[in-house]
Amino acid sequence: MITKENKQLAQWAIEFAQKNGCQASRVSMYNGSNSEFEIRDMKMDRLQQATENGLSIHLFVDGRYGAFSTNRLNKEELEKFILNGIDSTRYLAEDKAHTLPDASRYYKGTRGDMQLLDPKFDLINPDDKVALTMKTCNEMMGKDERIKSTSSSFQDSKNFRYMVDSNGFEGEQSSSSFSLFASISIQGEGDARPESYWYDSALYYDKLIKYGIGTKALERVFKKLGQKKIASGKYPMVLDNMTSSRLLSPVINAIYGSAIQQKNSFLLNKLNEKVLGDNITLLDDPHQPKSPGARYFDSEGVATKRMPVFENGVLKTYYIDTYSANKLEIDPTISNPSILSLQRGEKDCDGLVKTVNKGILVTGFNGGNCNSTAGDFSYGVEGFLIENGALTQPVSEMNITGNMITLWNNLIEAGNDTRTSSSWKIPSLLFDNVDFSGL
């Protein structure tokens, strides 16, 4: 945790910067620890443990802006560090759009604990972490002669941050995380080496799924045997809940203030216009206790709030930080998303598949990109052919192409199977008329 002494040191750093030619400043104190255990073919492959403790300072000097970090936390060292930072910032180009937020927008610190930190974090025995990782690998190892390699890993971390600035903000955050991961490759036909994985993550160790992660990865990889291309064409596409966020990312990136300010967005000048399908309502809902992504304030100290991002396909907000707002001469909102929740339907992924006569279930992406200005995309995909509501043939080495706005206007139905371990709660999705390139 951040000690009282370190908080006082951060406050002193603000005062020292002000006295030495800095018009405004922000200081963050941070510390944390993490560990990682990786097992490959039932042998320890990597063991890593680390702690960090440091300070970062943002300096606003004569219309210029600089950001600097250090882990040397005593006043004598910090005096030199801050003075050098101020001198260095004066060499940068003037850009008066860099300012602290208006103080009226800050979080005031009146709400309860978000409960993002596992209070038992330090009580977990490292031997138990290793045993869990070994057990996960053992769920795959030796189960079939075609298995080429198996690996599993366990990671955990806890982090604390305290932030203060010269405009009156003061706030702190703490969180923990745990994850368990399994991956496997097998001998396929000829030179083919199908690979797959599975994982779970949680804020609390007791909530982490500890059994069956390796078994699930094993099941997934053997379903890939016999992958091939199918005929090109327009097909309905089901995205499972492991991949659905991939096609939402370009849409969210297009509503960042930096993209709007640089005119590098296919959603430029679309605020309060209907741009996506009627059945798309996306909320940013940041105040959910014990949920990844929950927070009371953003990286600038600005208070977060529940707000619609898209409402029945209408774009309701951009993510505008203070700098972008000043450049654009518009009102700021918030710097980036917290917890994104897409309005859910009534079926899980299997239920969506059953509604498709002939289409493709996409379970993975293999490269590709989206043009941020036009919204045109091309992605390599793999998954399964759907025929009469059932999965019949694993497919790979196919591409999907199209335009993001067109794609999201062709959303037929969203599922009900969001992964609670993610801050983007996006369920399985069913789209119509997606261009697939194969044979």
Foldseek 3Di string as FASTA:
>chain_A
DQDPVNVVLQVVLQVLLVVQAFPKKKKKWKKKKKWKWKAKLLHTDDTDIDIATWMKMWTCGPQFIDIDIDRDRDPVVSSVVSNVRNVVRVPDDGHNLDDADQPVQFDPPDDDALQQAAPCVVVDDVVVQNVLQSVLQVLARPPDPFWDMKMKMKMKMKMKMWMDMPNGDTDIDIHMKIKIKMKTWGDAPDRDIFIFMFMFMFRYPVPGDRPCRSVVRNVVRVQQHQAAFDAWFWFKEKEAQVCVVVLCVLVLVQQALVCQLVLQAQCHPQAQHQQFAQQKKKKQAQRNRRFALHDQAAPSRGGDHIDICAHSRRGHHGQADSSSCSSVVHDHHHRHGRAMDIDADEAARLVVLQVGAWHWYWHDWDDWDARRNNQKIKIFTWGFIRHNSDGDHTYGPKMWIDGSSVFRNQWPHFHDDFRRRDSYRGGITIGGGITMHHD
